[in-house]
Amino acid sequence: MRYDSVVATAPGRLERRKARTRASIITAASKLFHERGYEETSIQHIAELADTGVGTLYGYFSSKDEILREVLQTERDEALDRYFASIDRTTPYMERACMAVLALAAYLRNNRTILTAAFQVSARNRQIDESQAEWLHAGFRDMVQAGVAAGEFRDLPLDATVRMLVGTIMLAMLGIGNWAGEDEKPELPETLVTLTRAILAR
């Protein structure tokens, strides 16, 4: 094999190995955060489960807070992929809204442990809290705005409607405030869908 061909392929192989190591760290952290809780999981625990060294881990992430942010982003991207796979350009906006509510409800229910940790971490690192809120509000805002423009939704105050919908879904699925105890009810996501229909329908 020629030397120049080895040199040409080496960066690709190295990048793939780095990507695998990074993915292993995120997967290990997600598993531990869900099973043990964020506070009870140490960097050492994550490194051991990912089969890497603590020093190597710090080469990819500067802190446990940053790992938490990456875990949430991975879970979010998977939820978004499932949502977009369930719709196409012919899907009515009301059905899109209902499927978005169900997708968000499932994401919140499946990640309640680490989301609760993220809210606690946000008290000292608002970036996590803001990054979580940003994608939710942007996605719902675009959908509601398009539904109004298409004549499928009532012409409601956009930002207030989006904040109310997203806020209600989050509080309900995480069992916060007067939703305490309701989050365990299996019918709750469908109840939130009914509420969404009632708010948006013309």
N, C-alpha and C. Protein backbone atom coordinates (compact mmCIF):
# COMPACT_ATOMS: atom_id res chain seq x y z
N MET A 1 0.86 -1.20 0.00
CA MET A 1 0.00 0.00 0.00
C MET A 1 0.88 1.24 0.00
N ARG A 2 0.52 2.21 -0.80
CA ARG A 2 1.31 3.43 -0.88
C ARG A 2 1.12 4.29 0.37
N TYR A 3 2.19 4.99 0.76
CA TYR A 3 2.16 5.84 1.96
C TYR A 3 1.11 6.94 1.84
N ASP A 4 1.02 7.56 0.64
CA ASP A 4 0.09 8.68 0.51
C ASP A 4 -1.36 8.22 0.65
N SER A 5 -1.67 6.97 0.28
CA SER A 5 -3.04 6.49 0.43
C SER A 5 -3.36 6.24 1.89
N VAL A 6 -2.36 5.82 2.67
CA VAL A 6 -2.56 5.63 4.10
C VAL A 6 -2.83 6.97 4.77
N VAL A 7 -2.05 7.97 4.41
CA VAL A 7 -2.22 9.31 4.97
C VAL A 7 -3.59 9.86 4.61
N ALA A 8 -4.04 9.59 3.39
CA ALA A 8 -5.32 10.12 2.94
C ALA A 8 -6.50 9.52 3.69
N THR A 9 -6.38 8.23 4.08
CA THR A 9 -7.50 7.58 4.74
C THR A 9 -7.47 7.74 6.26
N ALA A 10 -6.30 8.09 6.81
CA ALA A 10 -6.17 8.17 8.27
C ALA A 10 -7.13 9.17 8.92
N PRO A 11 -7.28 10.39 8.41
CA PRO A 11 -8.19 11.33 9.07
C PRO A 11 -9.62 10.82 9.14
N GLY A 12 -10.09 10.16 8.08
CA GLY A 12 -11.44 9.62 8.10
C GLY A 12 -11.60 8.58 9.18
N ARG A 13 -10.63 7.71 9.33
CA ARG A 13 -10.69 6.67 10.35
C ARG A 13 -10.64 7.28 11.75
N LEU A 14 -9.81 8.29 11.92
CA LEU A 14 -9.69 8.95 13.22
C LEU A 14 -11.00 9.65 13.60
N GLU A 15 -11.60 10.34 12.62
CA GLU A 15 -12.87 11.02 12.89
C GLU A 15 -13.96 10.03 13.25
N ARG A 16 -13.97 8.88 12.58
CA ARG A 16 -14.98 7.86 12.90
C ARG A 16 -14.78 7.33 14.32
N ARG A 17 -13.52 7.14 14.70
CA ARG A 17 -13.23 6.65 16.05
C ARG A 17 -13.64 7.69 17.09
N LYS A 18 -13.37 8.96 16.81
CA LYS A 18 -13.79 10.02 17.73
C LYS A 18 -15.31 10.09 17.86
N ALA A 19 -15.98 9.92 16.73
CA ALA A 19 -17.45 9.96 16.75
C ALA A 19 -18.01 8.80 17.56
N ARG A 20 -17.39 7.61 17.44
CA ARG A 20 -17.84 6.45 18.21
C ARG A 20 -17.61 6.67 19.70
N THR A 21 -16.46 7.23 20.06
CA THR A 21 -16.17 7.50 21.47
C THR A 21 -17.16 8.51 22.04
N ARG A 22 -17.42 9.56 21.29
CA ARG A 22 -18.36 10.58 21.74
C ARG A 22 -19.76 9.98 21.92
N ALA A 23 -20.18 9.16 20.95
CA ALA A 23 -21.50 8.52 21.03
C ALA A 23 -21.56 7.58 22.24
N SER A 24 -20.47 6.87 22.52
CA SER A 24 -20.44 5.96 23.67
C SER A 24 -20.59 6.72 24.98
N ILE A 25 -19.95 7.87 25.06
CA ILE A 25 -20.05 8.70 26.27
C ILE A 25 -21.49 9.17 26.46
N ILE A 26 -22.11 9.66 25.39
CA ILE A 26 -23.49 10.16 25.48
C ILE A 26 -24.45 9.03 25.84
N THR A 27 -24.26 7.86 25.22
CA THR A 27 -25.12 6.71 25.51
C THR A 27 -24.98 6.27 26.96
N ALA A 28 -23.74 6.20 27.43
CA ALA A 28 -23.49 5.80 28.82
C ALA A 28 -24.10 6.81 29.79
N ALA A 29 -23.91 8.09 29.50
CA ALA A 29 -24.45 9.13 30.38
C ALA A 29 -25.98 9.07 30.41
N SER A 30 -26.59 8.90 29.26
CA SER A 30 -28.06 8.82 29.21
C SER A 30 -28.57 7.66 30.06
N LYS A 31 -27.94 6.52 29.93
CA LYS A 31 -28.35 5.34 30.70
C LYS A 31 -28.21 5.60 32.20
N LEU A 32 -27.10 6.18 32.60
CA LEU A 32 -26.85 6.43 34.02
C LEU A 32 -27.75 7.53 34.57
N PHE A 33 -27.95 8.58 33.80
CA PHE A 33 -28.83 9.67 34.25
C PHE A 33 -30.25 9.16 34.48
N HIS A 34 -30.72 8.28 33.59
CA HIS A 34 -32.06 7.72 33.74
C HIS A 34 -32.14 6.77 34.93
N GLU A 35 -31.12 5.93 35.09
CA GLU A 35 -31.18 4.88 36.10
C GLU A 35 -30.77 5.36 37.49
N ARG A 36 -29.71 6.16 37.57
CA ARG A 36 -29.18 6.57 38.87
C ARG A 36 -29.59 7.98 39.26
N GLY A 37 -29.91 8.79 38.25
CA GLY A 37 -30.16 10.21 38.49
C GLY A 37 -28.92 11.01 38.16
N TYR A 38 -29.12 12.26 37.83
CA TYR A 38 -28.02 13.12 37.42
C TYR A 38 -27.03 13.36 38.56
N GLU A 39 -27.53 13.73 39.72
CA GLU A 39 -26.65 14.05 40.83
C GLU A 39 -25.86 12.84 41.32
N GLU A 40 -26.45 11.67 41.20
CA GLU A 40 -25.80 10.45 41.69
C GLU A 40 -24.82 9.85 40.68
N THR A 41 -24.78 10.42 39.50
CA THR A 41 -23.87 9.93 38.45
C THR A 41 -22.63 10.81 38.41
N SER A 42 -21.47 10.19 38.47
CA SER A 42 -20.22 10.94 38.42
C SER A 42 -19.58 10.80 37.05
N ILE A 43 -18.63 11.67 36.77
CA ILE A 43 -17.86 11.57 35.53
C ILE A 43 -17.16 10.21 35.46
N GLN A 44 -16.68 9.73 36.60
CA GLN A 44 -16.02 8.43 36.66
C GLN A 44 -16.98 7.31 36.24
N HIS A 45 -18.23 7.37 36.73
CA HIS A 45 -19.23 6.37 36.35
C HIS A 45 -19.44 6.36 34.84
N ILE A 46 -19.56 7.56 34.27
CA ILE A 46 -19.80 7.67 32.83
C ILE A 46 -18.62 7.10 32.05
N ALA A 47 -17.41 7.48 32.45
CA ALA A 47 -16.22 7.01 31.75
C ALA A 47 -16.12 5.48 31.81
N GLU A 48 -16.40 4.91 32.97
CA GLU A 48 -16.31 3.44 33.11
C GLU A 48 -17.32 2.74 32.21
N LEU A 49 -18.56 3.22 32.19
CA LEU A 49 -19.58 2.58 31.36
C LEU A 49 -19.28 2.77 29.87
N ALA A 50 -18.69 3.90 29.53
CA ALA A 50 -18.34 4.17 28.13
C ALA A 50 -17.03 3.48 27.73
N ASP A 51 -16.39 2.81 28.70
CA ASP A 51 -15.13 2.11 28.47
C ASP A 51 -14.05 3.05 27.93
N THR A 52 -13.93 4.18 28.62
CA THR A 52 -12.91 5.14 28.26
C THR A 52 -12.35 5.76 29.54
N GLY A 53 -11.30 6.53 29.42
CA GLY A 53 -10.70 7.16 30.58
C GLY A 53 -11.33 8.50 30.90
N VAL A 54 -11.21 8.91 32.15
CA VAL A 54 -11.74 10.22 32.55
C VAL A 54 -11.06 11.33 31.75
N GLY A 55 -9.76 11.21 31.55
CA GLY A 55 -9.03 12.22 30.78
C GLY A 55 -9.54 12.29 29.34
N THR A 56 -9.81 11.13 28.77
CA THR A 56 -10.35 11.10 27.40
C THR A 56 -11.72 11.76 27.36
N LEU A 57 -12.54 11.45 28.36
CA LEU A 57 -13.88 12.03 28.41
C LEU A 57 -13.80 13.56 28.44
N TYR A 58 -12.89 14.09 29.24
CA TYR A 58 -12.75 15.54 29.32
C TYR A 58 -12.21 16.15 28.02
N GLY A 59 -11.66 15.30 27.17
CA GLY A 59 -11.26 15.78 25.84
C GLY A 59 -12.44 16.06 24.94
N TYR A 60 -13.59 15.48 25.30
CA TYR A 60 -14.82 15.67 24.51
C TYR A 60 -15.81 16.63 25.18
N PHE A 61 -15.86 16.61 26.50
CA PHE A 61 -16.82 17.42 27.24
C PHE A 61 -16.11 18.08 28.41
N SER A 62 -16.43 19.35 28.64
CA SER A 62 -15.74 20.09 29.70
C SER A 62 -16.35 19.87 31.08
N SER A 63 -17.60 19.37 31.13
CA SER A 63 -18.27 19.22 32.41
C SER A 63 -19.43 18.24 32.29
N LYS A 64 -19.94 17.82 33.43
CA LYS A 64 -21.12 16.95 33.44
C LYS A 64 -22.34 17.71 32.93
N ASP A 65 -22.41 19.02 33.21
CA ASP A 65 -23.51 19.83 32.69
C ASP A 65 -23.53 19.80 31.16
N GLU A 66 -22.36 19.87 30.56
CA GLU A 66 -22.29 19.84 29.09
C GLU A 66 -22.74 18.48 28.56
N ILE A 67 -22.38 17.42 29.26
CA ILE A 67 -22.83 16.08 28.85
C ILE A 67 -24.35 16.00 28.94
N LEU A 68 -24.91 16.54 30.00
CA LEU A 68 -26.37 16.55 30.15
C LEU A 68 -27.02 17.27 28.97
N ARG A 69 -26.46 18.39 28.58
CA ARG A 69 -27.01 19.14 27.45
C ARG A 69 -26.97 18.30 26.18
N GLU A 70 -25.88 17.57 25.97
CA GLU A 70 -25.76 16.73 24.78
C GLU A 70 -26.73 15.55 24.82
N VAL A 71 -26.92 14.97 26.00
CA VAL A 71 -27.88 13.88 26.14
C VAL A 71 -29.27 14.36 25.77
N LEU A 72 -29.66 15.53 26.29
CA LEU A 72 -30.97 16.08 25.99
C LEU A 72 -31.12 16.39 24.50
N GLN A 73 -30.07 16.90 23.89
CA GLN A 73 -30.14 17.21 22.47
C GLN A 73 -30.30 15.94 21.64
N THR A 74 -29.62 14.87 22.03
CA THR A 74 -29.74 13.59 21.32
C THR A 74 -31.16 13.06 21.45
N GLU A 75 -31.71 13.09 22.67
CA GLU A 75 -33.08 12.62 22.89
C GLU A 75 -34.07 13.49 22.10
N ARG A 76 -33.83 14.78 22.08
CA ARG A 76 -34.69 15.71 21.35
C ARG A 76 -34.67 15.40 19.86
N ASP A 77 -33.47 15.20 19.31
CA ASP A 77 -33.34 14.94 17.87
C ASP A 77 -34.06 13.65 17.48
N GLU A 78 -33.98 12.64 18.34
CA GLU A 78 -34.66 11.38 18.06
C GLU A 78 -36.17 11.58 18.08
N ALA A 79 -36.67 12.37 19.04
CA ALA A 79 -38.10 12.66 19.10
C ALA A 79 -38.56 13.42 17.87
N LEU A 80 -37.76 14.39 17.43
CA LEU A 80 -38.10 15.16 16.24
C LEU A 80 -38.10 14.28 14.99
N ASP A 81 -37.14 13.37 14.90
CA ASP A 81 -37.10 12.46 13.76
C ASP A 81 -38.36 11.61 13.69
N ARG A 82 -38.82 11.13 14.84
CA ARG A 82 -40.04 10.31 14.86
C ARG A 82 -41.25 11.15 14.46
N TYR A 83 -41.28 12.40 14.92
CA TYR A 83 -42.41 13.27 14.57
C TYR A 83 -42.44 13.54 13.07
N PHE A 84 -41.31 13.95 12.50
CA PHE A 84 -41.28 14.30 11.09
C PHE A 84 -41.52 13.08 10.19
N ALA A 85 -41.17 11.89 10.69
CA ALA A 85 -41.44 10.68 9.92
C ALA A 85 -42.94 10.38 9.87
N SER A 86 -43.71 10.97 10.79
CA SER A 86 -45.14 10.68 10.87
C SER A 86 -46.00 11.66 10.06
N ILE A 87 -45.38 12.68 9.47
CA ILE A 87 -46.14 13.67 8.71
C ILE A 87 -45.52 13.85 7.32
N ASP A 88 -46.31 14.44 6.43
CA ASP A 88 -45.79 14.89 5.15
C ASP A 88 -46.48 16.20 4.79
N ARG A 89 -46.22 16.72 3.61
CA ARG A 89 -46.74 18.05 3.27
C ARG A 89 -48.27 18.07 3.15
N THR A 90 -48.89 16.88 3.03
CA THR A 90 -50.36 16.84 2.92
C THR A 90 -51.06 16.71 4.27
N THR A 91 -50.30 16.52 5.33
CA THR A 91 -50.91 16.34 6.66
C THR A 91 -51.56 17.64 7.12
N PRO A 92 -52.86 17.63 7.45
CA PRO A 92 -53.52 18.86 7.92
C PRO A 92 -52.82 19.40 9.16
N TYR A 93 -52.86 20.72 9.33
CA TYR A 93 -52.14 21.33 10.44
C TYR A 93 -52.70 20.91 11.80
N MET A 94 -53.99 20.65 11.87
CA MET A 94 -54.53 20.19 13.15
C MET A 94 -53.96 18.83 13.53
N GLU A 95 -53.81 17.95 12.52
CA GLU A 95 -53.21 16.64 12.80
C GLU A 95 -51.74 16.79 13.16
N ARG A 96 -51.07 17.71 12.51
CA ARG A 96 -49.66 17.97 12.86
C ARG A 96 -49.56 18.44 14.31
N ALA A 97 -50.46 19.35 14.69
CA ALA A 97 -50.45 19.87 16.06
C ALA A 97 -50.68 18.75 17.06
N CYS A 98 -51.65 17.89 16.78
CA CYS A 98 -51.96 16.79 17.70
C CYS A 98 -50.79 15.81 17.80
N MET A 99 -50.17 15.49 16.67
CA MET A 99 -49.02 14.59 16.69
C MET A 99 -47.83 15.23 17.38
N ALA A 100 -47.69 16.55 17.24
CA ALA A 100 -46.61 17.26 17.93
C ALA A 100 -46.83 17.20 19.44
N VAL A 101 -48.08 17.35 19.87
CA VAL A 101 -48.39 17.26 21.31
C VAL A 101 -48.05 15.86 21.82
N LEU A 102 -48.44 14.83 21.09
CA LEU A 102 -48.15 13.45 21.51
C LEU A 102 -46.65 13.18 21.52
N ALA A 103 -45.94 13.70 20.52
CA ALA A 103 -44.48 13.52 20.46
C ALA A 103 -43.80 14.21 21.64
N LEU A 104 -44.24 15.43 21.95
CA LEU A 104 -43.66 16.16 23.07
C LEU A 104 -44.00 15.47 24.39
N ALA A 105 -45.23 15.00 24.51
CA ALA A 105 -45.64 14.30 25.74
C ALA A 105 -44.79 13.05 25.95
N ALA A 106 -44.54 12.30 24.87
CA ALA A 106 -43.72 11.09 24.98
C ALA A 106 -42.28 11.44 25.35
N TYR A 107 -41.75 12.49 24.73
CA TYR A 107 -40.38 12.94 25.03
C TYR A 107 -40.26 13.32 26.51
N LEU A 108 -41.24 14.07 27.00
CA LEU A 108 -41.21 14.50 28.40
C LEU A 108 -41.35 13.32 29.36
N ARG A 109 -42.26 12.41 29.05
CA ARG A 109 -42.47 11.25 29.92
C ARG A 109 -41.24 10.35 29.93
N ASN A 110 -40.64 10.13 28.76
CA ASN A 110 -39.48 9.24 28.67
C ASN A 110 -38.23 9.83 29.29
N ASN A 111 -38.17 11.15 29.37
CA ASN A 111 -36.95 11.81 29.85
C ASN A 111 -37.19 12.64 31.10
N ARG A 112 -38.24 12.30 31.85
CA ARG A 112 -38.61 13.09 33.01
C ARG A 112 -37.46 13.22 34.01
N THR A 113 -36.75 12.14 34.26
CA THR A 113 -35.66 12.16 35.25
C THR A 113 -34.58 13.16 34.87
N ILE A 114 -34.12 13.10 33.61
CA ILE A 114 -33.02 13.99 33.23
C ILE A 114 -33.52 15.40 32.96
N LEU A 115 -34.77 15.56 32.57
CA LEU A 115 -35.30 16.91 32.38
C LEU A 115 -35.44 17.63 33.73
N THR A 116 -35.86 16.89 34.73
CA THR A 116 -35.93 17.48 36.07
C THR A 116 -34.55 17.93 36.52
N ALA A 117 -33.55 17.10 36.24
CA ALA A 117 -32.16 17.48 36.56
C ALA A 117 -31.75 18.71 35.77
N ALA A 118 -32.17 18.79 34.50
CA ALA A 118 -31.80 19.93 33.66
C ALA A 118 -32.39 21.22 34.22
N PHE A 119 -33.63 21.16 34.73
CA PHE A 119 -34.24 22.35 35.31
C PHE A 119 -33.46 22.80 36.55
N GLN A 120 -32.98 21.82 37.33
CA GLN A 120 -32.20 22.17 38.51
C GLN A 120 -30.85 22.77 38.12
N VAL A 121 -30.24 22.17 37.09
CA VAL A 121 -28.95 22.68 36.62
C VAL A 121 -29.11 24.09 36.04
N SER A 122 -30.27 24.35 35.44
CA SER A 122 -30.48 25.65 34.79
C SER A 122 -30.42 26.81 35.77
N ALA A 123 -30.61 26.52 37.05
CA ALA A 123 -30.50 27.57 38.06
C ALA A 123 -29.08 28.15 38.08
N ARG A 124 -28.10 27.31 37.71
CA ARG A 124 -26.73 27.80 37.67
C ARG A 124 -26.18 27.90 36.25
N ASN A 125 -26.94 27.36 35.27
CA ASN A 125 -26.49 27.41 33.88
C ASN A 125 -27.70 27.57 32.99
N ARG A 126 -28.11 28.81 32.74
CA ARG A 126 -29.35 29.06 32.01
C ARG A 126 -29.30 28.57 30.57
N GLN A 127 -28.11 28.28 30.06
CA GLN A 127 -28.00 27.84 28.68
C GLN A 127 -28.78 26.56 28.43
N ILE A 128 -28.78 25.65 29.40
CA ILE A 128 -29.50 24.40 29.23
C ILE A 128 -31.00 24.67 29.18
N ASP A 129 -31.48 25.48 30.11
CA ASP A 129 -32.89 25.80 30.16
C ASP A 129 -33.34 26.51 28.90
N GLU A 130 -32.56 27.48 28.46
CA GLU A 130 -32.93 28.26 27.29
C GLU A 130 -32.88 27.43 26.02
N SER A 131 -31.90 26.53 25.91
CA SER A 131 -31.82 25.71 24.70
C SER A 131 -32.98 24.74 24.62
N GLN A 132 -33.46 24.26 25.77
CA GLN A 132 -34.63 23.39 25.77
C GLN A 132 -35.88 24.15 25.35
N ALA A 133 -36.06 25.35 25.89
CA ALA A 133 -37.26 26.13 25.58
C ALA A 133 -37.25 26.62 24.14
N GLU A 134 -36.09 26.96 23.63
CA GLU A 134 -35.99 27.59 22.31
C GLU A 134 -36.53 26.69 21.20
N TRP A 135 -36.09 25.44 21.16
CA TRP A 135 -36.52 24.58 20.06
C TRP A 135 -38.00 24.24 20.16
N LEU A 136 -38.51 24.11 21.39
CA LEU A 136 -39.94 23.83 21.57
C LEU A 136 -40.80 24.98 21.07
N HIS A 137 -40.49 26.18 21.53
CA HIS A 137 -41.29 27.34 21.16
C HIS A 137 -41.18 27.64 19.66
N ALA A 138 -39.99 27.50 19.10
CA ALA A 138 -39.81 27.78 17.68
C ALA A 138 -40.62 26.81 16.83
N GLY A 139 -40.56 25.52 17.17
CA GLY A 139 -41.29 24.52 16.40
C GLY A 139 -42.80 24.71 16.46
N PHE A 140 -43.33 24.93 17.66
CA PHE A 140 -44.77 25.14 17.80
C PHE A 140 -45.20 26.46 17.18
N ARG A 141 -44.35 27.50 17.28
CA ARG A 141 -44.70 28.80 16.71
C ARG A 141 -44.84 28.69 15.20
N ASP A 142 -43.89 28.02 14.55
CA ASP A 142 -43.95 27.86 13.09
C ASP A 142 -45.20 27.09 12.68
N MET A 143 -45.52 26.04 13.43
CA MET A 143 -46.67 25.21 13.10
C MET A 143 -47.98 25.97 13.27
N VAL A 144 -48.13 26.68 14.39
CA VAL A 144 -49.36 27.42 14.64
C VAL A 144 -49.51 28.56 13.63
N GLN A 145 -48.43 29.24 13.34
CA GLN A 145 -48.47 30.34 12.38
C GLN A 145 -48.89 29.83 10.99
N ALA A 146 -48.35 28.68 10.59
CA ALA A 146 -48.70 28.11 9.29
C ALA A 146 -50.16 27.66 9.28
N GLY A 147 -50.63 27.12 10.39
CA GLY A 147 -52.02 26.69 10.48
C GLY A 147 -53.00 27.84 10.39
N VAL A 148 -52.64 28.96 11.00
CA VAL A 148 -53.48 30.17 10.92
C VAL A 148 -53.49 30.68 9.48
N ALA A 149 -52.31 30.73 8.84
CA ALA A 149 -52.20 31.22 7.47
C ALA A 149 -52.99 30.34 6.49
N ALA A 150 -53.06 29.03 6.79
CA ALA A 150 -53.79 28.11 5.93
C ALA A 150 -55.29 28.12 6.20
N GLY A 151 -55.70 28.87 7.22
CA GLY A 151 -57.12 28.95 7.55
C GLY A 151 -57.64 27.80 8.36
N GLU A 152 -56.73 26.96 8.90
CA GLU A 152 -57.15 25.80 9.69
C GLU A 152 -57.27 26.12 11.18
N PHE A 153 -56.54 27.13 11.65
CA PHE A 153 -56.57 27.51 13.05
C PHE A 153 -57.20 28.89 13.21
N ARG A 154 -57.73 29.13 14.40
CA ARG A 154 -58.21 30.46 14.73
C ARG A 154 -57.03 31.44 14.78
N ASP A 155 -57.32 32.70 14.52
CA ASP A 155 -56.29 33.72 14.57
C ASP A 155 -56.09 34.16 16.01
N LEU A 156 -55.22 33.46 16.70
CA LEU A 156 -54.95 33.71 18.12
C LEU A 156 -53.64 34.48 18.28
N PRO A 157 -53.44 35.13 19.43
CA PRO A 157 -52.14 35.77 19.70
C PRO A 157 -51.04 34.70 19.67
N LEU A 158 -50.14 34.79 18.72
CA LEU A 158 -49.21 33.70 18.43
C LEU A 158 -48.33 33.33 19.61
N ASP A 159 -47.57 34.28 20.13
CA ASP A 159 -46.62 33.95 21.20
C ASP A 159 -47.33 33.47 22.47
N ALA A 160 -48.42 34.13 22.82
CA ALA A 160 -49.15 33.72 24.03
C ALA A 160 -49.73 32.32 23.87
N THR A 161 -50.24 32.01 22.68
CA THR A 161 -50.81 30.68 22.43
C THR A 161 -49.73 29.60 22.53
N VAL A 162 -48.59 29.86 21.91
CA VAL A 162 -47.49 28.90 21.93
C VAL A 162 -46.98 28.69 23.36
N ARG A 163 -46.80 29.78 24.10
CA ARG A 163 -46.32 29.66 25.48
C ARG A 163 -47.32 28.88 26.34
N MET A 164 -48.60 29.15 26.13
CA MET A 164 -49.62 28.45 26.91
C MET A 164 -49.63 26.96 26.58
N LEU A 165 -49.58 26.60 25.28
CA LEU A 165 -49.60 25.20 24.89
C LEU A 165 -48.37 24.45 25.40
N VAL A 166 -47.20 24.99 25.09
CA VAL A 166 -45.96 24.32 25.49
C VAL A 166 -45.84 24.26 27.01
N GLY A 167 -46.16 25.37 27.68
CA GLY A 167 -46.07 25.40 29.14
C GLY A 167 -47.01 24.39 29.79
N THR A 168 -48.23 24.32 29.28
CA THR A 168 -49.21 23.39 29.85
C THR A 168 -48.76 21.94 29.65
N ILE A 169 -48.30 21.63 28.46
CA ILE A 169 -47.86 20.25 28.18
C ILE A 169 -46.69 19.88 29.08
N MET A 170 -45.73 20.80 29.24
CA MET A 170 -44.56 20.50 30.07
C MET A 170 -44.95 20.33 31.53
N LEU A 171 -45.74 21.24 32.07
CA LEU A 171 -46.16 21.13 33.47
C LEU A 171 -46.95 19.85 33.71
N ALA A 172 -47.84 19.53 32.77
CA ALA A 172 -48.68 18.35 32.93
C ALA A 172 -47.86 17.07 32.89
N MET A 173 -47.01 16.93 31.88
CA MET A 173 -46.26 15.67 31.71
C MET A 173 -45.16 15.50 32.75
N LEU A 174 -44.71 16.59 33.35
CA LEU A 174 -43.71 16.49 34.41
C LEU A 174 -44.33 16.50 35.81
N GLY A 175 -45.67 16.66 35.86
CA GLY A 175 -46.37 16.61 37.15
C GLY A 175 -46.00 17.76 38.07
N ILE A 176 -45.92 18.96 37.50
CA ILE A 176 -45.50 20.13 38.28
C ILE A 176 -46.72 20.98 38.63
N GLY A 177 -46.70 21.57 39.84
CA GLY A 177 -47.77 22.46 40.27
C GLY A 177 -49.09 21.73 40.42
N ASN A 178 -50.16 22.33 39.89
CA ASN A 178 -51.47 21.69 40.06
C ASN A 178 -51.68 20.48 39.17
N TRP A 179 -50.62 20.11 38.42
CA TRP A 179 -50.65 18.86 37.65
C TRP A 179 -50.00 17.71 38.41
N ALA A 180 -49.59 17.93 39.62
CA ALA A 180 -48.94 16.87 40.41
C ALA A 180 -49.85 15.65 40.50
N GLY A 181 -49.31 14.50 40.17
CA GLY A 181 -50.06 13.25 40.22
C GLY A 181 -50.77 12.92 38.92
N GLU A 182 -51.05 13.94 38.11
CA GLU A 182 -51.73 13.71 36.83
C GLU A 182 -50.80 13.07 35.80
N ASP A 183 -49.48 13.30 35.97
CA ASP A 183 -48.51 12.82 34.98
C ASP A 183 -48.45 11.31 34.87
N GLU A 184 -48.93 10.59 35.88
CA GLU A 184 -48.91 9.14 35.84
C GLU A 184 -50.11 8.55 35.10
N LYS A 185 -51.09 9.36 34.80
CA LYS A 185 -52.30 8.85 34.16
C LYS A 185 -52.03 8.58 32.67
N PRO A 186 -52.29 7.37 32.21
CA PRO A 186 -51.98 7.03 30.81
C PRO A 186 -52.78 7.84 29.80
N GLU A 187 -53.95 8.33 30.20
CA GLU A 187 -54.79 9.07 29.26
C GLU A 187 -54.39 10.55 29.14
N LEU A 188 -53.42 11.00 29.93
CA LEU A 188 -53.07 12.42 29.93
C LEU A 188 -52.67 12.96 28.55
N PRO A 189 -51.82 12.27 27.78
CA PRO A 189 -51.48 12.82 26.45
C PRO A 189 -52.70 13.07 25.57
N GLU A 190 -53.66 12.15 25.59
CA GLU A 190 -54.86 12.35 24.78
C GLU A 190 -55.70 13.51 25.31
N THR A 191 -55.69 13.70 26.62
CA THR A 191 -56.39 14.85 27.20
C THR A 191 -55.76 16.14 26.70
N LEU A 192 -54.45 16.18 26.61
CA LEU A 192 -53.75 17.36 26.11
C LEU A 192 -54.02 17.59 24.62
N VAL A 193 -54.20 16.51 23.88
CA VAL A 193 -54.57 16.62 22.47
C VAL A 193 -55.95 17.25 22.33
N THR A 194 -56.90 16.79 23.15
CA THR A 194 -58.26 17.35 23.13
C THR A 194 -58.23 18.83 23.46
N LEU A 195 -57.43 19.20 24.45
CA LEU A 195 -57.29 20.61 24.82
C LEU A 195 -56.70 21.42 23.67
N THR A 196 -55.71 20.88 22.99
CA THR A 196 -55.09 21.56 21.85
C THR A 196 -56.09 21.80 20.73
N ARG A 197 -56.86 20.78 20.44
CA ARG A 197 -57.90 20.92 19.39
C ARG A 197 -58.88 22.04 19.75
N ALA A 198 -59.30 22.06 21.01
CA ALA A 198 -60.28 23.05 21.45
C ALA A 198 -59.73 24.47 21.33
N ILE A 199 -58.45 24.62 21.60
CA ILE A 199 -57.83 25.95 21.56
C ILE A 199 -57.64 26.44 20.12
N LEU A 200 -57.18 25.54 19.25
CA LEU A 200 -56.79 25.95 17.91
C LEU A 200 -57.90 25.93 16.87
N ALA A 201 -58.91 25.07 17.07
CA ALA A 201 -59.93 24.89 16.04
C ALA A 201 -60.70 26.17 15.74
N ARG A 202 -61.02 26.38 14.49
CA ARG A 202 -61.83 27.54 14.09
C ARG A 202 -63.27 27.35 14.50
